[in-house]
Amino acid sequence: MIARNKNIKLLLQPFDILPSINGHETQLQIAISNIVENAIQNTESGGSVNICTKLSENKIIIKVVDNGK
């Protein structure tokens, strides 16, 4: 995994209870994976990528924050 090779900490802060998502599971997985991978690629060695989820007005918010370029 790229994060391990670059010594990047992946921090997951999940919301306790989220509703089910209606959508194409594979496409959602690919989209989220691409965002996280981009964050990892743009974070320097020893950095961190924080992934958090929350519920806001019946919408699921997925936030990916990195300390990269």
C-alpha atoms as a PDB file:
ATOM      1  CA  MET A   1       0.000   0.000   0.000  1.00  0.00           C
ATOM      2  CA  ILE A   2       1.255   3.460  -0.903  1.00  0.00           C
ATOM      3  CA  ALA A   3       0.482   4.918   2.545  1.00  0.00           C
ATOM      4  CA  ARG A   4       2.599   2.299   4.301  1.00  0.00           C
ATOM      5  CA  ASN A   5       5.517   2.804   1.886  1.00  0.00           C
ATOM      6  CA  LYS A   6       5.418   6.574   2.512  1.00  0.00           C
ATOM      7  CA  ASN A   7       4.901   6.175   6.286  1.00  0.00           C
ATOM      8  CA  ILE A   8       1.588   8.066   6.080  1.00  0.00           C
ATOM      9  CA  LYS A   9      -0.914   7.701   8.901  1.00  0.00           C
ATOM     10  CA  LEU A  10      -4.459   6.958   7.765  1.00  0.00           C
ATOM     11  CA  LEU A  11      -6.924   8.173  10.378  1.00  0.00           C
ATOM     12  CA  LEU A  12     -10.570   7.122  10.150  1.00  0.00           C
ATOM     13  CA  GLN A  13     -13.162   8.981  12.172  1.00  0.00           C
ATOM     14  CA  PRO A  14     -16.454   7.286  11.320  1.00  0.00           C
ATOM     15  CA  PHE A  15     -19.820   8.634  12.393  1.00  0.00           C
ATOM     16  CA  ASP A  16     -21.485   6.203  14.788  1.00  0.00           C
ATOM     17  CA  ILE A  17     -24.592   5.442  12.754  1.00  0.00           C
ATOM     18  CA  LEU A  18     -25.033   6.245   9.061  1.00  0.00           C
ATOM     19  CA  PRO A  19     -28.003   5.262   6.911  1.00  0.00           C
ATOM     20  CA  SER A  20     -27.654   2.999   3.903  1.00  0.00           C
ATOM     21  CA  ILE A  21     -26.664   4.648   0.641  1.00  0.00           C
ATOM     22  CA  ASN A  22     -28.671   4.050  -2.498  1.00  0.00           C
ATOM     23  CA  GLY A  23     -26.290   3.879  -5.423  1.00  0.00           C
ATOM     24  CA  HIS A  24     -23.991   1.715  -7.436  1.00  0.00           C
ATOM     25  CA  GLU A  25     -21.745   0.145  -4.794  1.00  0.00           C
ATOM     26  CA  THR A  26     -18.744  -0.419  -7.065  1.00  0.00           C
ATOM     27  CA  GLN A  27     -18.817   3.115  -8.470  1.00  0.00           C
ATOM     28  CA  LEU A  28     -19.077   4.603  -4.973  1.00  0.00           C
ATOM     29  CA  GLN A  29     -16.132   2.494  -3.798  1.00  0.00           C
ATOM     30  CA  ILE A  30     -14.054   3.574  -6.801  1.00  0.00           C
ATOM     31  CA  ALA A  31     -14.890   7.268  -6.297  1.00  0.00           C
ATOM     32  CA  ILE A  32     -14.005   7.242  -2.589  1.00  0.00           C
ATOM     33  CA  SER A  33     -10.891   5.155  -3.223  1.00  0.00           C
ATOM     34  CA  ASN A  34      -9.710   7.626  -5.886  1.00  0.00           C
ATOM     35  CA  ILE A  35     -10.130  10.579  -3.511  1.00  0.00           C
ATOM     36  CA  VAL A  36      -8.231   8.838  -0.703  1.00  0.00           C
ATOM     37  CA  GLU A  37      -5.501   7.658  -3.088  1.00  0.00           C
ATOM     38  CA  ASN A  38      -5.086  11.214  -4.411  1.00  0.00           C
ATOM     39  CA  ALA A  39      -4.724  12.506  -0.846  1.00  0.00           C
ATOM     40  CA  ILE A  40      -2.069   9.865  -0.111  1.00  0.00           C
ATOM     41  CA  GLN A  41      -0.138  10.620  -3.296  1.00  0.00           C
ATOM     42  CA  ASN A  42      -0.066  14.351  -2.477  1.00  0.00           C
ATOM     43  CA  THR A  43       1.022  13.873   1.129  1.00  0.00           C
ATOM     44  CA  GLU A  44       4.709  13.841   1.914  1.00  0.00           C
ATOM     45  CA  SER A  45       6.364  10.983   3.760  1.00  0.00           C
ATOM     46  CA  GLY A  46       5.482  10.990   7.453  1.00  0.00           C
ATOM     47  CA  GLY A  47       2.262  12.965   6.904  1.00  0.00           C
ATOM     48  CA  SER A  48      -1.332  11.975   7.540  1.00  0.00           C
ATOM     49  CA  VAL A  49      -4.652  11.572   5.762  1.00  0.00           C
ATOM     50  CA  ASN A  50      -7.810  11.954   7.847  1.00  0.00           C
ATOM     51  CA  ILE A  51     -11.082  10.433   6.632  1.00  0.00           C
ATOM     52  CA  CYS A  52     -14.244  11.348   8.505  1.00  0.00           C
ATOM     53  CA  THR A  53     -17.934  10.849   7.910  1.00  0.00           C
ATOM     54  CA  LYS A  54     -20.956  12.629   9.281  1.00  0.00           C
ATOM     55  CA  LEU A  55     -24.656  13.006   8.725  1.00  0.00           C
ATOM     56  CA  SER A  56     -25.969  16.466   7.826  1.00  0.00           C
ATOM     57  CA  GLU A  57     -29.552  17.220   6.809  1.00  0.00           C
ATOM     58  CA  ASN A  58     -30.137  13.588   5.765  1.00  0.00           C
ATOM     59  CA  LYS A  59     -26.968  13.613   3.652  1.00  0.00           C
ATOM     60  CA  ILE A  60     -23.821  11.620   4.300  1.00  0.00           C
ATOM     61  CA  ILE A  61     -20.698  13.781   4.221  1.00  0.00           C
ATOM     62  CA  ILE A  62     -17.354  12.084   3.588  1.00  0.00           C
ATOM     63  CA  LYS A  63     -14.412  14.385   4.229  1.00  0.00           C
ATOM     64  CA  VAL A  64     -10.826  13.547   3.276  1.00  0.00           C
ATOM     65  CA  VAL A  65      -8.180  15.904   4.648  1.00  0.00           C
ATOM     66  CA  ASP A  66      -4.466  15.617   3.977  1.00  0.00           C
ATOM     67  CA  ASN A  67      -1.480  17.745   4.863  1.00  0.00           C
ATOM     68  CA  GLY A  68       0.031  17.423   1.396  1.00  0.00           C
ATOM     69  CA  LYS A  69       0.763  19.813  -1.440  1.00  0.00           C
END
